[in-house]
Protein backbone atom coordinates (compact mmCIF):
# COMPACT_ATOMS: atom_id res chain seq x y z
CA UNK A 1 -98.68 -58.03 -27.89
CA UNK A 2 -99.24 -54.75 -26.99
CA UNK A 3 -97.62 -53.57 -24.29
CA UNK A 4 -98.50 -50.14 -22.19
CA UNK A 5 -95.41 -47.60 -20.92
CA UNK A 6 -96.34 -49.13 -17.49
CA UNK A 7 -95.68 -52.60 -17.97
CA UNK A 8 -91.70 -54.08 -17.92
CA UNK A 9 -89.58 -54.71 -20.84
CA UNK A 10 -89.38 -58.03 -22.38
CA UNK A 11 -86.50 -59.75 -21.35
CA UNK A 12 -84.99 -59.87 -24.60
CA UNK A 13 -84.74 -55.92 -25.10
CA UNK A 14 -82.60 -53.91 -23.75
CA UNK A 15 -83.44 -51.63 -20.78
CA UNK A 16 -83.32 -47.70 -20.45
CA UNK A 17 -81.34 -46.80 -18.17
CA UNK A 18 -84.27 -44.38 -16.78
CA UNK A 19 -85.59 -48.00 -16.22
CA UNK A 20 -82.88 -48.24 -13.54
CA UNK A 21 -82.98 -48.49 -10.02
CA UNK A 22 -80.56 -45.28 -8.74
CA UNK A 23 -79.16 -47.38 -6.26
CA UNK A 24 -77.66 -49.81 -9.18
CA UNK A 25 -76.62 -46.05 -11.06
CA UNK A 26 -75.06 -44.65 -8.14
CA UNK A 27 -72.93 -47.34 -7.49
CA UNK A 28 -72.75 -47.83 -10.82
CA UNK A 29 -69.67 -44.46 -10.11
CA UNK A 30 -69.28 -43.22 -13.40
CA UNK A 31 -66.28 -41.86 -14.54
CA UNK A 32 -65.62 -38.40 -16.02
CA UNK A 33 -67.06 -38.52 -19.32
CA UNK A 34 -68.86 -41.23 -19.74
CA UNK A 35 -72.29 -42.33 -19.90
CA UNK A 36 -74.40 -45.03 -20.22
CA UNK A 37 -75.33 -46.50 -23.74
CA UNK A 38 -77.72 -49.71 -23.05
CA UNK A 39 -78.66 -52.29 -20.52
CA UNK A 40 -79.87 -55.22 -20.34
CA UNK A 41 -81.18 -57.30 -17.18
CA UNK A 42 -79.12 -60.48 -16.44
CA UNK A 43 -80.52 -62.34 -13.74
CA UNK A 44 -80.56 -60.44 -10.56
CA UNK A 45 -79.35 -57.06 -11.44
CA UNK A 46 -77.87 -55.30 -14.76
CA UNK A 47 -75.30 -56.08 -17.57
CA UNK A 48 -74.93 -51.69 -18.32
CA UNK A 49 -72.47 -51.07 -20.97
CA UNK A 50 -71.98 -46.95 -20.92
CA UNK A 51 -69.11 -45.80 -23.62
CA UNK A 52 -66.37 -46.92 -22.11
CA UNK A 53 -66.81 -50.73 -20.67
CA UNK A 54 -69.37 -53.70 -19.57
CA UNK A 55 -69.67 -53.69 -15.48
CA UNK A 56 -72.45 -55.98 -13.85
CA UNK A 57 -74.32 -54.56 -11.10
CA UNK A 58 -76.54 -56.67 -9.30
CA UNK A 59 -78.88 -56.85 -6.15
CA UNK A 60 -77.11 -57.66 -3.12
CA UNK A 61 -77.91 -60.60 -0.22
CA UNK A 62 -76.22 -59.50 2.77
CA UNK A 63 -78.95 -57.99 5.17
CA UNK A 64 -77.19 -55.52 6.59
CA UNK A 65 -75.03 -54.60 3.33
CA UNK A 66 -73.50 -50.72 3.35
CA UNK A 67 -75.07 -50.73 0.01
CA UNK A 68 -78.21 -52.34 -1.54
CA UNK A 69 -75.99 -52.94 -4.41
CA UNK A 70 -72.66 -54.05 -6.18
CA UNK A 71 -70.72 -53.84 -8.99
CA UNK A 72 -68.29 -56.37 -11.21
CA UNK A 73 -67.22 -57.61 -13.08
CA UNK A 74 -65.89 -54.49 -15.22
CA UNK A 75 -64.63 -55.36 -18.97
CA UNK A 76 -63.02 -52.04 -20.30
CA UNK A 77 -62.97 -51.68 -24.44
CA UNK A 78 -59.41 -51.39 -24.40
CA UNK A 79 -59.00 -54.62 -23.19
CA UNK A 80 -61.87 -56.31 -24.20
CA UNK A 81 -62.22 -59.75 -26.85
CA UNK A 82 -64.87 -59.46 -28.60
CA UNK A 83 -67.79 -60.85 -27.08
CA UNK A 84 -69.08 -65.00 -27.54
CA UNK A 85 -72.60 -66.71 -27.45
CA UNK A 86 -72.45 -69.14 -25.15
CA UNK A 87 -74.94 -72.01 -25.15
CA UNK A 88 -77.22 -69.78 -27.43
CA UNK A 89 -78.47 -67.47 -23.78
CA UNK A 90 -75.41 -66.89 -22.53
CA UNK A 91 -72.95 -63.60 -23.70
CA UNK A 92 -69.37 -63.76 -22.11
CA UNK A 93 -66.84 -61.17 -21.97
CA UNK A 94 -63.57 -61.97 -21.51
CA UNK A 95 -60.37 -59.33 -20.60
CA UNK A 96 -58.04 -60.10 -23.33
CA UNK A 97 -55.24 -60.42 -20.41
CA UNK A 98 -57.08 -63.91 -18.70
CA UNK A 99 -54.84 -63.15 -15.27
CA UNK A 100 -57.23 -59.49 -14.79
CA UNK A 101 -60.72 -60.48 -15.03
CA UNK A 102 -61.27 -64.01 -16.37
CA UNK A 103 -64.34 -64.42 -18.31
CA UNK A 104 -67.84 -63.94 -17.15
CA UNK A 105 -71.09 -65.31 -18.17
CA UNK A 106 -74.40 -63.06 -18.56
CA UNK A 107 -77.86 -64.74 -18.75
CA UNK A 108 -79.75 -62.25 -21.16
CA UNK A 109 -83.17 -62.81 -23.37
CA UNK A 110 -81.28 -61.85 -27.05
CA UNK A 111 -77.72 -62.67 -26.21
CA UNK A 112 -77.05 -62.62 -30.37
CA UNK A 113 -78.02 -59.02 -30.06
CA UNK A 114 -76.81 -58.18 -27.34
CA UNK A 115 -72.86 -59.33 -28.50
CA UNK A 116 -73.43 -57.30 -31.84
CA UNK A 117 -74.99 -54.51 -30.26
CA UNK A 118 -71.61 -54.48 -27.49
CA UNK A 119 -69.15 -55.54 -30.38
CA UNK A 120 -70.38 -51.55 -32.33
CA UNK A 121 -69.83 -50.08 -28.89
CA UNK A 122 -66.09 -51.86 -28.04
CA UNK A 123 -64.89 -50.00 -31.44
CA UNK A 124 -65.80 -46.52 -30.84
CA UNK A 125 -64.78 -47.17 -26.85
CA UNK A 126 -61.57 -48.58 -27.90
CA UNK A 127 -61.23 -44.82 -30.52
CA UNK A 128 -61.90 -43.10 -26.82
CA UNK A 129 -59.75 -44.55 -24.68
CA UNK A 130 -56.87 -43.97 -27.20
CA UNK A 131 -57.60 -40.48 -27.67
CA UNK A 132 -58.26 -40.34 -23.58
CA UNK A 133 -54.39 -41.75 -23.01
CA UNK A 134 -52.88 -39.63 -25.89
CA UNK A 135 -54.69 -36.72 -23.68
CA UNK A 136 -53.43 -37.61 -21.01
CA UNK A 137 -50.10 -38.65 -22.29
CA UNK A 138 -50.54 -34.70 -23.27
CA UNK A 139 -50.92 -33.09 -19.87
CA UNK A 140 -48.25 -35.21 -18.22
CA UNK A 141 -45.54 -33.85 -20.44
CA UNK A 142 -46.84 -29.82 -20.62
CA UNK A 143 -44.69 -27.75 -18.50
CA UNK A 144 -47.10 -26.34 -15.54
CA UNK A 145 -46.56 -23.05 -14.54
CA UNK A 146 -48.97 -21.44 -11.84
CA UNK A 147 -52.37 -19.86 -12.81
CA UNK A 148 -52.76 -16.01 -12.07
CA UNK A 149 -55.29 -13.99 -11.62
CA UNK A 150 -56.12 -11.95 -14.33
CA UNK A 151 -54.87 -8.22 -15.03
CA UNK A 152 -51.76 -8.98 -12.99
CA UNK A 153 -48.62 -9.03 -13.54
CA UNK A 154 -46.62 -11.70 -11.98
CA UNK A 155 -42.42 -11.16 -11.95
CA UNK A 156 -40.40 -14.23 -11.04
CA UNK A 157 -36.86 -14.02 -10.22
CA UNK A 158 -34.73 -16.06 -8.33
CA UNK A 159 -33.23 -14.97 -4.36
CA UNK A 160 -30.38 -16.21 -2.86
CA UNK A 161 -30.21 -16.46 0.56
CA UNK A 162 -27.05 -17.06 2.75
CA UNK A 163 -26.46 -17.46 6.59
CA UNK A 164 -25.63 -15.37 9.32
CA UNK A 165 -21.97 -16.00 10.81
CA UNK A 166 -22.95 -15.52 13.91
CA UNK A 167 -26.44 -16.59 14.32
CA UNK A 168 -27.00 -19.40 11.65
CA UNK A 169 -29.83 -17.23 10.92
CA UNK A 170 -30.75 -16.92 6.70
CA UNK A 171 -30.67 -13.49 5.38
CA UNK A 172 -30.62 -12.22 1.60
CA UNK A 173 -27.36 -11.95 -0.19
CA UNK A 174 -28.32 -8.04 -0.71
CA UNK A 175 -28.46 -7.56 3.46
CA UNK A 176 -25.16 -5.29 4.71
CA UNK A 177 -26.07 -6.69 8.05
CA UNK A 178 -28.81 -9.89 10.13
CA UNK A 179 -31.90 -9.67 10.21
CA UNK A 180 -32.14 -11.23 13.61
CA UNK A 181 -28.93 -10.56 14.91
CA UNK A 182 -27.49 -7.39 14.08
CA UNK A 183 -23.84 -8.81 12.92
CA UNK A 184 -22.62 -7.17 9.57
CA UNK A 185 -22.17 -9.81 6.65
CA UNK A 186 -18.83 -11.55 5.84
């Protein structure tokens, strides 16, 4: 069977991101450095696999919804347990900590192929999350230095101030008289 470019993809193959409606991708809200690896049609939406997670994006049925599309559930690769084929047609995804997000089943054309691709991406995704976590920890423990424009010299010194004994205004320790009332410093 030959297909033309205008024909929709068969249900058992992955969908490329350019075949998904822009509204669905906008609702996905990709994280910094995140990119879409694969997408599969499922029911009234898509199962989207990025380099960091798997997310279901589906069309809402509400008439006056803010957006036509909705996301969830989301399974991050750092805590995603191995995907399973259920009933020959469903892909089951579950979080290692079942309290966070219970298992979810997605009806796809070729559940075994989808599970295989998610399993392959899961190892790389966990490694990327570990790299991100290490960078975040390093950033948290790095001392902060305020940025200065190039070519400028910044001199940092501590200025000690004392209160005037007459009016209570703050003045530098080196001042001989109060700048507010003119009284001599004691």
